[in-house]
């Protein structure tokens, strides 16, 4: 069984990609598993971009508690006043 890379590994990869923000927001919105979506939410928090707030607010309605929790924590990391 293949395991997904850890969040720090994914974050390092995301930082290096010029389309990192788009890739991570796409995973947040379309990830098939709770783990995919919650990892994406955490990555957005680590990227620290205020543009992520709208995506993370939408993720507060994720079907899983873990996804909602990761979105809320990431909004706190970003510190956007709209959130």
Protein backbone atom coordinates (compact mmCIF):
# COMPACT_ATOMS: atom_id res chain seq x y z
CA UNK A 1 0.00 0.00 0.00
CA UNK A 2 1.42 3.37 -1.03
CA UNK A 3 1.49 6.08 1.55
CA UNK A 4 1.10 9.75 0.84
CA UNK A 5 4.00 12.08 1.62
CA UNK A 6 3.85 13.85 4.94
CA UNK A 7 2.58 17.41 5.12
CA UNK A 8 6.12 18.87 5.52
CA UNK A 9 7.25 16.92 2.43
CA UNK A 10 4.23 18.14 0.48
CA UNK A 11 4.86 21.70 1.66
CA UNK A 12 8.44 21.62 0.42
CA UNK A 13 7.21 20.35 -2.95
CA UNK A 14 4.50 23.01 -3.04
CA UNK A 15 6.95 25.82 -2.33
CA UNK A 16 9.08 24.75 -5.28
CA UNK A 17 6.22 24.62 -7.78
CA UNK A 18 5.24 27.86 -9.52
CA UNK A 19 1.61 26.70 -9.52
CA UNK A 20 1.67 25.54 -5.91
CA UNK A 21 -1.28 27.59 -4.77
CA UNK A 22 -3.50 26.40 -7.61
CA UNK A 23 -2.47 22.78 -7.11
CA UNK A 24 -3.12 22.84 -3.37
CA UNK A 25 -6.48 24.61 -3.65
CA UNK A 26 -7.52 22.09 -6.30
CA UNK A 27 -6.65 19.22 -3.91
CA UNK A 28 -8.53 20.95 -1.11
CA UNK A 29 -11.68 21.23 -3.20
CA UNK A 30 -11.55 17.93 -5.07
CA UNK A 31 -9.52 15.56 -2.88
CA UNK A 32 -11.16 12.16 -2.77
CA UNK A 33 -10.12 11.36 0.78
CA UNK A 34 -10.29 13.19 4.06
CA UNK A 35 -6.50 12.91 4.30
CA UNK A 36 -6.01 14.58 0.90
CA UNK A 37 -8.29 17.47 1.78
CA UNK A 38 -7.00 18.00 5.32
CA UNK A 39 -3.36 17.87 4.14
CA UNK A 40 -4.19 20.45 1.48
CA UNK A 41 -5.80 22.70 4.09
CA UNK A 42 -2.68 22.45 6.25
CA UNK A 43 -0.44 23.23 3.29
CA UNK A 44 -2.45 26.36 2.55
CA UNK A 45 -1.99 27.44 6.14
CA UNK A 46 1.76 26.91 5.88
CA UNK A 47 1.91 28.85 2.62
CA UNK A 48 0.41 31.75 4.58
CA UNK A 49 -1.29 33.46 1.63
CA UNK A 50 -4.37 35.50 2.45
CA UNK A 51 -5.93 34.43 -0.88
CA UNK A 52 -6.36 30.98 0.69
CA UNK A 53 -8.94 32.30 3.18
CA UNK A 54 -11.91 31.93 0.81
CA UNK A 55 -10.95 28.33 -0.01
CA UNK A 56 -10.43 27.48 3.65
CA UNK A 57 -13.74 29.06 4.62
CA UNK A 58 -15.42 26.83 2.04
CA UNK A 59 -13.56 23.86 3.56
CA UNK A 60 -15.19 24.60 6.93
CA UNK A 61 -18.17 22.77 5.39
CA UNK A 62 -16.16 19.64 4.54
CA UNK A 63 -17.97 16.37 5.15
CA UNK A 64 -15.32 15.25 7.66
CA UNK A 65 -14.51 16.64 11.07
CA UNK A 66 -10.78 16.33 10.29
CA UNK A 67 -11.18 18.41 7.12
CA UNK A 68 -13.09 21.12 8.96
CA UNK A 69 -10.57 21.13 11.80
CA UNK A 70 -7.61 21.47 9.41
CA UNK A 71 -9.35 24.33 7.60
CA UNK A 72 -10.04 26.18 10.87
CA UNK A 73 -6.46 25.72 12.07
CA UNK A 74 -5.10 26.94 8.76
CA UNK A 75 -7.30 30.03 8.85
CA UNK A 76 -5.74 30.77 12.23
CA UNK A 77 -2.26 30.33 10.79
CA UNK A 78 -3.00 32.77 7.98
CA UNK A 79 -4.50 35.31 10.37
CA UNK A 80 -6.72 36.85 7.72
CA UNK A 81 -9.21 39.27 9.28
CA UNK A 82 -11.96 38.25 6.83
CA UNK A 83 -11.86 34.76 8.31
